[in-house]
Protein backbone atom coordinates (compact mmCIF):
# COMPACT_ATOMS: atom_id res chain seq x y z
CA UNK A 1 53.84 92.22 62.38
CA UNK A 2 55.39 88.95 61.28
CA UNK A 3 53.62 85.72 61.37
CA UNK A 4 54.33 83.69 64.52
CA UNK A 5 56.64 80.78 63.76
CA UNK A 6 54.91 77.64 64.76
CA UNK A 7 58.44 75.95 65.89
CA UNK A 8 59.21 79.21 67.85
CA UNK A 9 55.75 78.64 69.69
CA UNK A 10 56.47 74.78 70.12
CA UNK A 11 59.82 75.81 71.53
CA UNK A 12 58.74 78.48 73.99
CA UNK A 13 55.82 76.04 75.39
CA UNK A 14 58.49 73.23 75.69
CA UNK A 15 61.10 75.67 77.39
CA UNK A 16 58.47 76.51 80.03
CA UNK A 17 57.09 73.27 80.80
CA UNK A 18 60.46 71.70 81.07
CA UNK A 19 60.70 73.41 84.46
CA UNK A 20 57.78 71.10 85.77
CA UNK A 21 59.83 67.96 85.15
CA UNK A 22 60.69 66.61 88.44
CA UNK A 23 58.17 68.24 90.55
CA UNK A 24 55.75 66.87 93.32
CA UNK A 25 52.69 64.83 92.50
CA UNK A 26 50.78 67.89 93.34
CA UNK A 27 51.74 69.82 90.20
CA UNK A 28 51.58 66.58 88.33
CA UNK A 29 47.71 66.28 89.61
CA UNK A 30 47.31 69.95 88.17
CA UNK A 31 48.65 69.11 84.46
CA UNK A 32 44.82 68.30 83.02
CA UNK A 33 43.65 71.72 84.39
CA UNK A 34 47.01 73.23 83.16
CA UNK A 35 46.46 71.76 79.74
CA UNK A 36 42.96 72.77 79.73
CA UNK A 37 43.59 76.36 80.64
CA UNK A 38 46.06 76.63 77.69
CA UNK A 39 43.29 75.26 75.49
CA UNK A 40 41.05 77.77 76.88
CA UNK A 41 43.28 80.68 76.39
CA UNK A 42 44.12 79.76 72.59
CA UNK A 43 40.60 79.68 71.49
CA UNK A 44 39.31 82.95 69.84
CA UNK A 45 41.49 85.68 67.90
CA UNK A 46 39.61 88.95 69.26
CA UNK A 47 42.04 90.76 71.31
CA UNK A 48 40.55 92.08 73.95
CA UNK A 49 38.35 89.16 74.74
CA UNK A 50 41.69 86.97 74.72
CA UNK A 51 42.89 89.22 77.10
CA UNK A 52 39.93 88.55 79.34
CA UNK A 53 39.90 85.00 79.17
CA UNK A 54 43.74 84.76 79.86
CA UNK A 55 42.75 86.84 83.36
CA UNK A 56 39.87 84.62 84.06
CA UNK A 57 41.79 81.48 83.14
CA UNK A 58 44.91 82.53 85.40
CA UNK A 59 42.60 83.25 88.49
CA UNK A 60 41.12 79.69 88.27
CA UNK A 61 44.44 77.87 87.78
CA UNK A 62 45.90 79.67 90.61
CA UNK A 63 43.05 79.91 92.95
CA UNK A 64 43.30 83.66 92.99
CA UNK A 65 40.45 85.89 93.65
CA UNK A 66 41.72 88.93 91.37
CA UNK A 67 43.72 88.76 88.11
CA UNK A 68 44.81 91.46 85.75
CA UNK A 69 46.71 92.22 82.50
CA UNK A 70 48.62 95.28 82.07
CA UNK A 71 49.66 95.80 78.71
CA UNK A 72 52.84 98.12 78.24
CA UNK A 73 52.74 100.96 75.67
CA UNK A 74 54.84 101.40 72.77
CA UNK A 75 57.42 103.67 74.64
CA UNK A 76 57.74 101.06 77.48
CA UNK A 77 57.09 103.47 79.88
CA UNK A 78 53.62 102.81 81.01
CA UNK A 79 50.41 101.12 80.48
CA UNK A 80 48.12 101.67 77.43
CA UNK A 81 45.50 99.30 78.78
CA UNK A 82 44.34 97.46 81.93
CA UNK A 83 42.03 94.42 81.75
CA UNK A 84 40.89 92.98 84.95
CA UNK A 85 39.05 90.07 86.56
CA UNK A 86 37.35 89.66 89.92
CA UNK A 87 36.63 93.44 90.32
CA UNK A 88 32.96 94.23 90.14
CA UNK A 89 31.87 97.27 87.90
CA UNK A 90 30.36 99.14 90.40
CA UNK A 91 33.92 99.09 92.64
CA UNK A 92 35.72 99.52 89.08
CA UNK A 93 33.72 102.67 88.79
CA UNK A 94 34.31 104.05 92.17
CA UNK A 95 37.87 103.48 91.60
CA UNK A 96 37.84 105.37 88.51
CA UNK A 97 40.82 105.88 86.27
CA UNK A 98 42.75 102.69 85.83
CA UNK A 99 46.53 102.71 86.62
CA UNK A 100 48.83 103.91 84.00
CA UNK A 101 51.96 102.10 85.39
CA UNK A 102 54.13 105.26 85.90
CA UNK A 103 54.69 104.76 89.63
CA UNK A 104 54.34 101.91 92.23
CA UNK A 105 54.67 98.12 92.06
CA UNK A 106 53.24 97.97 88.61
CA UNK A 107 55.57 100.45 86.97
CA UNK A 108 58.49 98.57 88.76
CA UNK A 109 57.61 95.70 87.05
CA UNK A 110 57.42 97.48 83.60
CA UNK A 111 61.15 98.52 84.03
CA UNK A 112 62.19 95.24 85.57
CA UNK A 113 59.88 92.36 83.79
CA UNK A 114 60.88 89.40 86.06
CA UNK A 115 58.75 86.93 88.04
CA UNK A 116 57.48 88.64 91.64
CA UNK A 117 55.90 86.69 94.35
CA UNK A 118 55.10 88.89 97.42
CA UNK A 119 53.44 87.47 100.86
CA UNK A 120 52.19 90.86 101.56
CA UNK A 121 52.36 93.63 98.77
CA UNK A 122 51.82 96.52 100.94
CA UNK A 123 55.07 95.70 102.84
CA UNK A 124 57.17 95.98 99.28
CA UNK A 125 58.98 99.40 99.46
CA UNK A 126 58.09 99.97 95.69
CA UNK A 127 54.40 99.82 96.53
CA UNK A 128 52.53 103.31 96.30
CA UNK A 129 49.24 102.59 97.86
CA UNK A 130 45.63 101.90 96.56
CA UNK A 131 43.22 104.59 95.52
CA UNK A 132 39.84 105.16 97.22
CA UNK A 133 37.44 102.54 96.95
CA UNK A 134 40.26 99.86 95.78
CA UNK A 135 39.48 96.33 97.57
CA UNK A 136 42.16 95.24 100.05
CA UNK A 137 44.72 92.86 98.59
CA UNK A 138 47.78 91.24 100.10
CA UNK A 139 49.39 88.39 98.37
CA UNK A 140 50.73 89.01 94.97
CA UNK A 141 52.10 87.03 91.89
CA UNK A 142 53.32 89.11 88.77
CA UNK A 143 54.87 87.40 85.83
CA UNK A 144 55.74 88.95 82.45
CA UNK A 145 53.98 88.06 79.12
CA UNK A 146 56.24 88.07 76.05
CA UNK A 147 55.23 88.02 72.48
CA UNK A 148 57.72 87.24 70.04
CA UNK A 149 60.55 88.04 72.68
CA UNK A 150 59.12 91.35 73.37
CA UNK A 151 57.46 92.36 76.58
CA UNK A 152 53.80 92.75 75.83
CA UNK A 153 52.63 93.30 79.20
CA UNK A 154 52.33 91.94 82.85
CA UNK A 155 49.89 89.09 84.50
CA UNK A 156 48.99 90.26 87.85
CA UNK A 157 47.40 87.96 90.41
CA UNK A 158 46.36 88.75 93.98
CA UNK A 159 44.35 87.60 97.10
CA UNK A 160 44.97 83.68 97.12
CA UNK A 161 41.47 82.32 97.92
CA UNK A 162 42.15 80.23 100.83
CA UNK A 163 44.11 83.15 102.65
CA UNK A 164 47.45 81.59 102.11
CA UNK A 165 50.43 82.46 99.92
CA UNK A 166 51.04 81.75 96.16
CA UNK A 167 53.43 78.87 96.17
CA UNK A 168 56.24 77.58 93.67
CA UNK A 169 53.74 75.56 91.94
CA UNK A 170 51.55 78.49 91.25
CA UNK A 171 54.26 80.34 89.84
CA UNK A 172 55.28 77.46 87.53
CA UNK A 173 51.87 77.04 86.50
CA UNK A 174 51.08 80.86 85.95
CA UNK A 175 54.46 81.15 83.82
CA UNK A 176 53.45 78.12 81.45
CA UNK A 177 50.01 79.95 81.04
CA UNK A 178 51.82 83.05 80.39
CA UNK A 179 53.84 81.64 77.70
CA UNK A 180 50.63 80.27 75.85
CA UNK A 181 48.99 83.59 76.58
CA UNK A 182 51.82 85.24 74.68
CA UNK A 183 51.16 82.71 71.62
CA UNK A 184 47.57 83.54 71.64
CA UNK A 185 47.96 87.19 72.01
CA UNK A 186 50.50 87.26 69.16
CA UNK A 187 47.85 85.52 67.15
CA UNK A 188 45.10 87.98 68.26
CA UNK A 189 47.30 90.91 67.48
CA UNK A 190 48.04 89.73 63.99
CA UNK A 191 44.26 89.03 63.38
CA UNK A 192 43.21 92.61 64.74
CA UNK A 193 45.78 94.18 62.59
CA UNK A 194 44.69 92.63 59.59
CA UNK A 195 40.95 93.57 60.47
CA UNK A 196 42.15 97.28 61.26
CA UNK A 197 44.04 97.68 58.08
CA UNK A 198 40.77 96.12 56.20
CA UNK A 199 38.16 98.55 57.71
CA UNK A 200 40.63 101.23 56.73
CA UNK A 201 40.61 100.33 53.16
CA UNK A 202 36.99 99.77 53.09
CA UNK A 203 36.57 103.25 54.54
CA UNK A 204 38.74 104.51 51.78
CA UNK A 205 36.96 103.05 49.13
CA UNK A 206 33.42 104.52 50.53
CA UNK A 207 35.22 108.35 50.61
CA UNK A 208 36.22 107.71 47.13
CA UNK A 209 33.04 106.65 45.99
CA UNK A 210 31.25 109.44 47.72
CA UNK A 211 33.34 111.89 46.37
CA UNK A 212 33.32 110.84 42.81
CA UNK A 213 29.42 110.23 42.81
CA UNK A 214 29.11 113.53 41.27
CA UNK A 215 26.99 114.53 44.59
CA UNK A 216 27.14 117.90 46.76
CA UNK A 217 30.86 118.67 47.70
CA UNK A 218 29.68 119.47 51.29
CA UNK A 219 27.95 115.97 51.42
CA UNK A 220 31.15 114.30 50.40
CA UNK A 221 33.01 116.22 52.99
CA UNK A 222 30.66 114.97 55.54
CA UNK A 223 31.30 111.42 54.42
CA UNK A 224 35.13 111.95 54.94
CA UNK A 225 34.17 113.34 58.55
CA UNK A 226 31.97 110.46 59.21
CA UNK A 227 34.50 107.71 58.14
CA UNK A 228 37.32 109.04 59.72
CA UNK A 229 35.47 109.26 62.85
CA UNK A 230 34.44 105.84 62.96
CA UNK A 231 37.54 104.19 61.61
CA UNK A 232 39.57 106.32 64.17
CA UNK A 233 37.07 105.17 67.07
CA UNK A 234 37.57 109.03 67.98
CA UNK A 235 34.77 111.59 69.71
CA UNK A 236 34.46 113.40 66.38
CA UNK A 237 35.62 113.62 62.77
CA UNK A 238 36.77 117.01 61.36
CA UNK A 239 37.52 118.49 57.90
CA UNK A 240 39.25 121.62 57.64
CA UNK A 241 39.78 123.76 54.44
CA UNK A 242 42.40 126.61 54.10
CA UNK A 243 41.61 130.50 54.49
CA UNK A 244 42.62 133.25 52.53
CA UNK A 245 44.76 134.40 55.36
CA UNK A 246 46.71 131.07 55.65
CA UNK A 247 44.47 129.68 58.67
CA UNK A 248 41.99 126.73 58.42
CA UNK A 249 38.35 126.75 58.99
CA UNK A 250 35.98 123.91 60.04
CA UNK A 251 33.62 123.15 57.25
CA UNK A 252 32.41 119.41 57.96
CA UNK A 253 32.13 117.86 61.18
CA UNK A 254 30.89 114.24 62.47
CA UNK A 255 30.32 114.45 66.19
CA UNK A 256 27.40 114.18 68.74
CA UNK A 257 27.35 118.11 68.62
CA UNK A 258 28.68 119.29 65.10
CA UNK A 259 27.45 122.69 65.17
CA UNK A 260 28.99 124.15 67.79
CA UNK A 261 32.25 122.95 65.83
CA UNK A 262 31.37 124.31 62.28
CA UNK A 263 32.73 127.65 61.18
CA UNK A 264 35.62 127.58 63.85
CA UNK A 265 38.70 129.12 62.34
CA UNK A 266 42.18 127.96 63.31
CA UNK A 267 44.07 131.27 62.79
CA UNK A 268 47.42 131.61 60.80
CA UNK A 269 49.17 132.23 64.03
CA UNK A 270 48.75 128.76 65.07
CA UNK A 271 51.66 126.41 64.94
CA UNK A 272 49.24 123.73 64.18
CA UNK A 273 47.75 125.44 61.15
CA UNK A 274 51.18 126.31 59.54
CA UNK A 275 52.40 122.63 60.32
CA UNK A 276 49.41 121.12 58.41
CA UNK A 277 49.18 123.61 55.68
CA UNK A 278 53.08 122.37 55.23
CA UNK A 279 52.14 119.12 54.73
CA UNK A 280 53.05 117.50 58.13
CA UNK A 281 51.15 115.80 60.45
CA UNK A 282 50.49 116.56 63.96
CA UNK A 283 50.00 114.17 66.84
CA UNK A 284 48.62 115.40 70.15
CA UNK A 285 48.75 113.34 73.53
CA UNK A 286 46.30 115.66 75.34
CA UNK A 287 44.27 118.61 73.20
CA UNK A 288 43.41 120.13 76.50
CA UNK A 289 46.65 120.65 77.69
CA UNK A 290 48.66 121.06 74.54
CA UNK A 291 50.01 124.59 74.08
CA UNK A 292 49.43 124.39 70.34
CA UNK A 293 46.07 123.73 70.57
CA UNK A 294 44.52 127.16 70.36
CA UNK A 295 40.93 126.72 69.58
CA UNK A 296 38.40 126.88 72.05
CA UNK A 297 37.50 123.40 71.23
CA UNK A 298 40.46 122.04 72.33
CA UNK A 299 39.50 121.66 76.12
CA UNK A 300 36.56 118.83 75.03
CA UNK A 301 39.24 116.62 73.62
CA UNK A 302 42.16 114.24 74.74
CA UNK A 303 44.68 112.35 72.07
CA UNK A 304 44.48 113.85 68.59
CA UNK A 305 45.57 113.09 65.08
CA UNK A 306 45.54 116.12 62.78
CA UNK A 307 46.53 115.17 58.95
CA UNK A 308 47.23 117.01 56.11
CA UNK A 309 45.15 116.26 53.19
CA UNK A 310 47.80 116.74 50.48
CA UNK A 311 48.51 114.94 47.08
CA UNK A 312 50.44 116.10 44.34
CA UNK A 313 52.41 118.11 46.36
CA UNK A 314 49.00 120.28 46.91
CA UNK A 315 47.50 120.65 50.43
CA UNK A 316 43.94 120.65 50.16
CA UNK A 317 43.06 121.11 53.85
CA UNK A 318 43.29 119.12 56.88
CA UNK A 319 41.61 116.26 59.08
CA UNK A 320 41.36 115.83 62.69
CA UNK A 321 40.19 112.92 64.75
CA UNK A 322 40.31 114.08 68.51
CA UNK A 323 39.42 111.50 71.18
CA UNK A 324 37.48 112.34 74.31
CA UNK A 325 39.62 113.41 77.24
CA UNK A 326 41.08 110.02 79.41
CA UNK A 327 40.65 107.92 76.06
CA UNK A 328 43.49 105.51 75.16
CA UNK A 329 46.25 107.29 72.85
CA UNK A 330 46.52 106.36 68.97
CA UNK A 331 48.88 103.69 68.33
CA UNK A 332 51.82 103.70 65.81
CA UNK A 333 49.56 101.37 63.75
CA UNK A 334 46.43 103.59 63.80
CA UNK A 335 48.71 106.89 62.96
CA UNK A 336 49.84 105.16 59.90
CA UNK A 337 46.79 103.67 58.72
CA UNK A 338 44.95 107.04 59.43
CA UNK A 339 47.83 109.15 57.29
CA UNK A 340 47.10 106.75 54.45
CA UNK A 341 43.62 107.10 54.77
CA UNK A 342 44.19 111.06 54.55
CA UNK A 343 46.27 110.56 51.68
CA UNK A 344 43.68 108.57 49.76
CA UNK A 345 40.95 111.14 50.67
CA UNK A 346 42.92 113.86 49.31
CA UNK A 347 43.68 112.34 46.15
CA UNK A 348 39.93 111.60 45.90
CA UNK A 349 38.98 115.28 46.78
CA UNK A 350 41.69 116.17 43.76
CA UNK A 351 39.85 114.02 41.27
CA UNK A 352 36.34 114.82 42.28
CA UNK A 353 37.55 118.79 42.11
CA UNK A 354 38.76 117.81 38.44
CA UNK A 355 35.74 116.21 37.60
CA UNK A 356 33.81 119.36 38.70
CA UNK A 357 35.81 121.47 36.99
CA UNK A 358 34.81 119.64 33.72
CA UNK A 359 31.33 119.65 34.60
CA UNK A 360 31.73 123.19 34.98
CA UNK A 361 33.41 123.77 31.82
CA UNK A 362 30.64 121.89 30.14
CA UNK A 363 27.80 124.18 31.75
CA UNK A 364 29.71 127.18 30.62
CA UNK A 365 30.07 125.83 26.89
CA UNK A 366 26.28 124.86 27.21
CA UNK A 367 25.40 128.50 28.62
CA UNK A 368 27.37 130.03 25.73
CA UNK A 369 25.50 128.09 23.23
CA UNK A 370 22.30 129.18 24.63
CA UNK A 371 23.42 132.78 24.86
CA UNK A 372 24.18 132.59 21.35
CA UNK A 373 20.78 130.92 20.35
CA UNK A 374 18.95 133.69 22.30
CA UNK A 375 20.81 136.48 20.78
CA UNK A 376 21.33 135.25 17.34
CA UNK A 377 17.70 133.41 16.58
CA UNK A 378 15.22 134.23 19.68
CA UNK A 379 15.88 138.33 19.60
CA UNK A 380 16.15 138.78 16.13
CA UNK A 381 12.81 136.95 15.43
CA UNK A 382 11.16 138.55 18.16
CA UNK A 383 12.40 142.03 16.73
CA UNK A 384 11.24 141.01 13.41
CA UNK A 385 7.62 140.14 14.71
CA UNK A 386 7.65 143.47 16.72
CA UNK A 387 8.51 145.26 13.37
CA UNK A 388 5.64 143.30 11.41
CA UNK A 389 3.18 144.25 14.11
CA UNK A 390 4.17 147.59 13.97
CA UNK A 391 3.63 147.79 10.38
CA UNK A 392 0.10 146.18 10.68
CA UNK A 393 -0.67 148.63 13.20
CA UNK A 394 -0.15 151.50 10.95
CA UNK A 395 -2.14 150.06 8.05
CA UNK A 396 -5.10 149.14 10.41
CA UNK A 397 -7.84 151.61 10.87
CA UNK A 398 -9.67 149.79 13.72
CA UNK A 399 -8.97 151.72 17.14
CA UNK A 400 -9.09 148.51 19.10
CA UNK A 401 -6.87 146.67 16.80
CA UNK A 402 -4.36 149.13 16.83
CA UNK A 403 -4.35 149.45 20.78
CA UNK A 404 -4.32 145.68 21.03
CA UNK A 405 -1.40 145.33 18.47
CA UNK A 406 0.56 148.32 20.41
CA UNK A 407 0.21 146.27 23.81
CA UNK A 408 1.92 143.34 22.15
CA UNK A 409 4.46 145.27 20.59
CA UNK A 410 5.25 146.72 23.96
CA UNK A 411 5.11 143.18 25.62
CA UNK A 412 7.85 142.14 22.58
CA UNK A 413 10.04 144.95 23.79
CA UNK A 414 10.03 143.74 27.62
CA UNK A 415 10.46 140.28 26.46
CA UNK A 416 13.49 141.52 24.53
CA UNK A 417 14.89 143.41 27.34
CA UNK A 418 14.55 140.31 29.86
CA UNK A 419 16.20 138.13 27.36
CA UNK A 420 19.07 140.44 27.21
CA UNK A 421 19.56 140.24 31.06
CA UNK A 422 19.41 136.49 30.85
CA UNK A 423 22.01 136.55 28.22
CA UNK A 424 24.24 138.69 30.14
CA UNK A 425 23.90 136.69 33.31
CA UNK A 426 24.58 133.48 31.15
CA UNK A 427 28.12 135.30 29.73
CA UNK A 428 28.97 136.45 33.14
CA UNK A 429 31.87 134.50 34.83
CA UNK A 430 31.45 133.82 38.57
CA UNK A 431 34.56 136.14 39.22
CA UNK A 432 32.97 139.02 37.54
CA UNK A 433 29.94 139.37 40.18
CA UNK A 434 29.42 142.64 41.77
CA UNK A 435 29.76 142.44 45.48
CA UNK A 436 26.51 144.07 46.17
CA UNK A 437 23.99 141.46 47.62
CA UNK A 438 20.93 143.00 46.01
CA UNK A 439 22.83 142.74 42.68
CA UNK A 440 23.96 139.30 43.25
CA UNK A 441 20.60 138.11 44.23
CA UNK A 442 18.91 139.70 40.96
CA UNK A 443 21.87 137.62 39.20
CA UNK A 444 20.96 134.52 40.56
CA UNK A 445 17.39 135.38 39.86
CA UNK A 446 18.13 136.02 36.26
CA UNK A 447 20.00 132.90 35.56
CA UNK A 448 17.46 130.98 37.13
CA UNK A 449 14.72 132.24 34.72
CA UNK A 450 16.40 130.49 31.59
CA UNK A 451 15.80 127.05 32.94
CA UNK A 452 12.79 127.74 34.62
CA UNK A 453 11.23 129.42 31.51
CA UNK A 454 9.72 132.29 33.62
CA UNK A 455 11.44 134.96 35.98
CA UNK A 456 10.60 134.54 39.74
CA UNK A 457 9.37 137.88 41.44
CA UNK A 458 11.39 139.14 44.01
CA UNK A 459 11.44 141.90 46.72
CA UNK A 460 13.78 143.29 49.05
CA UNK A 461 12.93 144.56 52.55
CA UNK A 462 15.32 146.93 54.49
CA UNK A 463 18.85 147.89 53.47
CA UNK A 464 20.27 144.74 52.28
CA UNK A 465 23.53 145.81 50.95
CA UNK A 466 24.32 147.95 53.86
CA UNK A 467 23.43 145.34 56.90
CA UNK A 468 24.39 141.80 55.33
CA UNK A 469 28.11 141.13 56.07
CA UNK A 470 29.91 139.38 53.63
CA UNK A 471 29.99 135.95 55.14
CA UNK A 472 26.42 136.04 55.54
CA UNK A 473 25.85 137.35 52.21
CA UNK A 474 28.10 134.40 50.60
CA UNK A 475 26.12 131.94 52.56
CA UNK A 476 22.60 133.46 51.50
CA UNK A 477 23.24 133.40 47.85
CA UNK A 478 24.19 130.07 48.12
CA UNK A 479 21.03 129.19 49.82
CA UNK A 480 19.04 131.09 47.11
CA UNK A 481 20.95 128.94 44.48
CA UNK A 482 20.15 125.75 46.53
CA UNK A 483 16.67 126.60 46.70
CA UNK A 484 15.88 127.84 43.42
CA UNK A 485 17.69 124.52 41.81
CA UNK A 486 15.42 122.50 43.93
CA UNK A 487 12.50 124.33 42.63
CA UNK A 488 13.45 123.86 38.97
CA UNK A 489 14.35 120.18 39.36
CA UNK A 490 11.82 118.66 41.59
CA UNK A 491 8.79 121.34 42.10
CA UNK A 492 7.26 121.38 38.91
CA UNK A 493 6.60 125.17 39.74
CA UNK A 494 4.75 127.85 37.35
CA UNK A 495 5.28 130.63 40.19
CA UNK A 496 8.18 131.35 42.37
CA UNK A 497 8.38 134.37 45.00
CA UNK A 498 11.97 135.20 46.22
CA UNK A 499 11.87 137.87 49.41
CA UNK A 500 15.33 138.98 51.24
CA UNK A 501 14.25 140.84 54.37
CA UNK A 502 17.05 142.51 56.39
CA UNK A 503 14.82 143.76 58.92
CA UNK A 504 13.82 140.12 60.50
CA UNK A 505 14.43 139.15 63.99
CA UNK A 506 15.57 135.77 65.41
CA UNK A 507 13.51 134.10 68.10
CA UNK A 508 16.16 135.30 70.60
CA UNK A 509 15.77 139.01 69.65
CA UNK A 510 18.91 139.22 67.41
CA UNK A 511 18.30 141.13 64.12
CA UNK A 512 18.79 138.94 61.18
CA UNK A 513 18.23 138.79 57.60
CA UNK A 514 15.70 136.03 56.17
CA UNK A 515 15.29 134.45 52.72
CA UNK A 516 12.10 133.09 51.87
CA UNK A 517 11.68 131.15 48.22
CA UNK A 518 8.07 130.12 47.77
CA UNK A 519 6.65 128.08 44.93
CA UNK A 520 3.43 126.61 43.61
CA UNK A 521 4.86 123.31 42.80
CA UNK A 522 4.17 119.85 43.86
CA UNK A 523 5.73 120.00 47.41
CA UNK A 524 8.24 117.92 49.11
CA UNK A 525 7.15 114.09 49.03
CA UNK A 526 7.16 112.20 52.27
CA UNK A 527 10.68 110.15 51.98
CA UNK A 528 12.00 112.03 49.23
CA UNK A 529 15.83 113.06 48.95
CA UNK A 530 16.59 115.97 51.24
CA UNK A 531 20.35 116.56 51.03
CA UNK A 532 19.33 120.13 49.69
CA UNK A 533 17.29 120.98 52.55
CA UNK A 534 20.13 119.61 54.93
CA UNK A 535 22.90 121.87 53.30
CA UNK A 536 20.73 124.78 53.73
CA UNK A 537 20.30 123.87 57.48
CA UNK A 538 24.01 123.32 58.00
CA UNK A 539 24.98 126.78 56.46
CA UNK A 540 22.45 128.49 58.47
CA UNK A 541 23.28 127.14 61.78
CA UNK A 542 27.11 127.38 61.24
CA UNK A 543 26.04 131.11 61.33
CA UNK A 544 23.72 130.99 64.19
CA UNK A 545 20.58 130.90 62.16
CA UNK A 546 18.11 128.27 60.91
CA UNK A 547 16.43 126.88 58.30
CA UNK A 548 12.97 125.17 57.42
CA UNK A 549 10.46 124.79 54.88
CA UNK A 550 6.39 124.99 55.02
CA UNK A 551 3.37 125.29 52.61
CA UNK A 552 3.80 127.07 49.47
CA UNK A 553 1.95 129.68 47.28
CA UNK A 554 -0.26 127.54 45.38
CA UNK A 555 -3.79 126.75 45.84
CA UNK A 556 -4.72 125.58 49.38
CA UNK A 557 -1.06 125.94 50.50
CA UNK A 558 0.35 123.94 47.64
CA UNK A 559 3.99 123.70 46.92
CA UNK A 560 6.76 124.60 49.13
CA UNK A 561 8.05 127.85 50.86
CA UNK A 562 11.84 127.34 51.90
CA UNK A 563 13.23 129.97 54.95
CA UNK A 564 16.60 130.76 55.39
CA UNK A 565 17.88 133.31 58.13
CA UNK A 566 21.02 134.09 60.01
CA UNK A 567 22.07 136.70 62.44
CA UNK A 568 23.40 140.04 61.16
């Protein structure tokens, strides 16, 4: 919005006050009160407090019991906001939803913004009645408020204090006040727009910092959802990622009840999914009634922004910021700022993905080096040591020595086989992983054995491969990887036991698979970082399960046992 020209402001005020010249001494006596009212209206920059102050000042100036400002929406067809003075909170609650300006006297003044003075508004043919609980009103005065020549809204006054009627003096005074109000509102809108842009920029910086910090990808997506919800003043912030069949899946939610939304899928048949994956934004006035909104979440929400996360011609996912039913719609400025935020978040996501690819490549290169060293150096040395021991065994004549050396040779053979298994796991690409859950669990255990320095023990209960579905299995493997990683990085454990139980039962009686990873390490310190545990819980809850931790398998319950379970 362009900055208010002081010359235009002065001219507007001069033109409004010129009509006061030549009037009676009554209005002349009220000039000091008018000047004080104009000074009060111009104080402060916050928009909504400015509107409150204008209502109160106008009521005092015209000796009116009630005052209100109806803010015209961007389309000029109704009211986007309605600020009142003189109506107690309990009465406003009883009235309920405020007027939308689509009908009645308020609607007529939107389409014909001219001063209106009525001795009895209920007798006017444009009057459409009061809602239940509305206080009785008879005398009425309405004046348009213009900001930089455009209609901002209307200032309404009702019920003259002395039960009289609004007169010409009241009309002239309120018109001058409305002109000053237009100037004050213009300044407040400029200030509000600047503050709003600043908040969205700060939010973009926070998202970029979180995504590039090298932390967990799920945590980063949660930051995007949280920032979007806060900045858009919405009931929820939702991040969706593409599915293999051309739909979108909710993977991160910031809301009062996030677990009920996680994992919800918008199918490829949805017109909203098609538009978002095509790089188009979708703006919805009321999610509960819009036929395009086909998920079970739609009835909860009202106005919604659904924005593609696209950068460099690639759509990475989508961002949704729905407001509660009955909340105000998103303004054009909010839509523009949110679209820019989504583009910045998508760029940060691409940069974070590239950074993770570089880190993954470095890990693969390091794994290849470790595999080569194990094969070329460690196994060869162990093999040579075994041959030396066998030679010593043959030369020895002492039976006890022969037996002991034989056991040592057998242990070396077992060690060589385990190292070869670890080498295979290190050289295997993720895409080559077999589909069986049991095999994938063993692969994770063998991979963890290298950095741990020992191989975790394991047990399987029940027909794991037959009972556990692909989605649950994928999340179980991710939970196992997270638990083993935490044990390696934080636990300082010397013993780890992994159990996958496909015969478990949830508290509500449903059949479930339960993963337990127990160690004898140092345990979880008070106040320690627990993002990994939150990730485990989030994965389990998205499937209808749960995750928790307890005492480990060390002496006196030392260490930690992490439990993750989900229904079959």
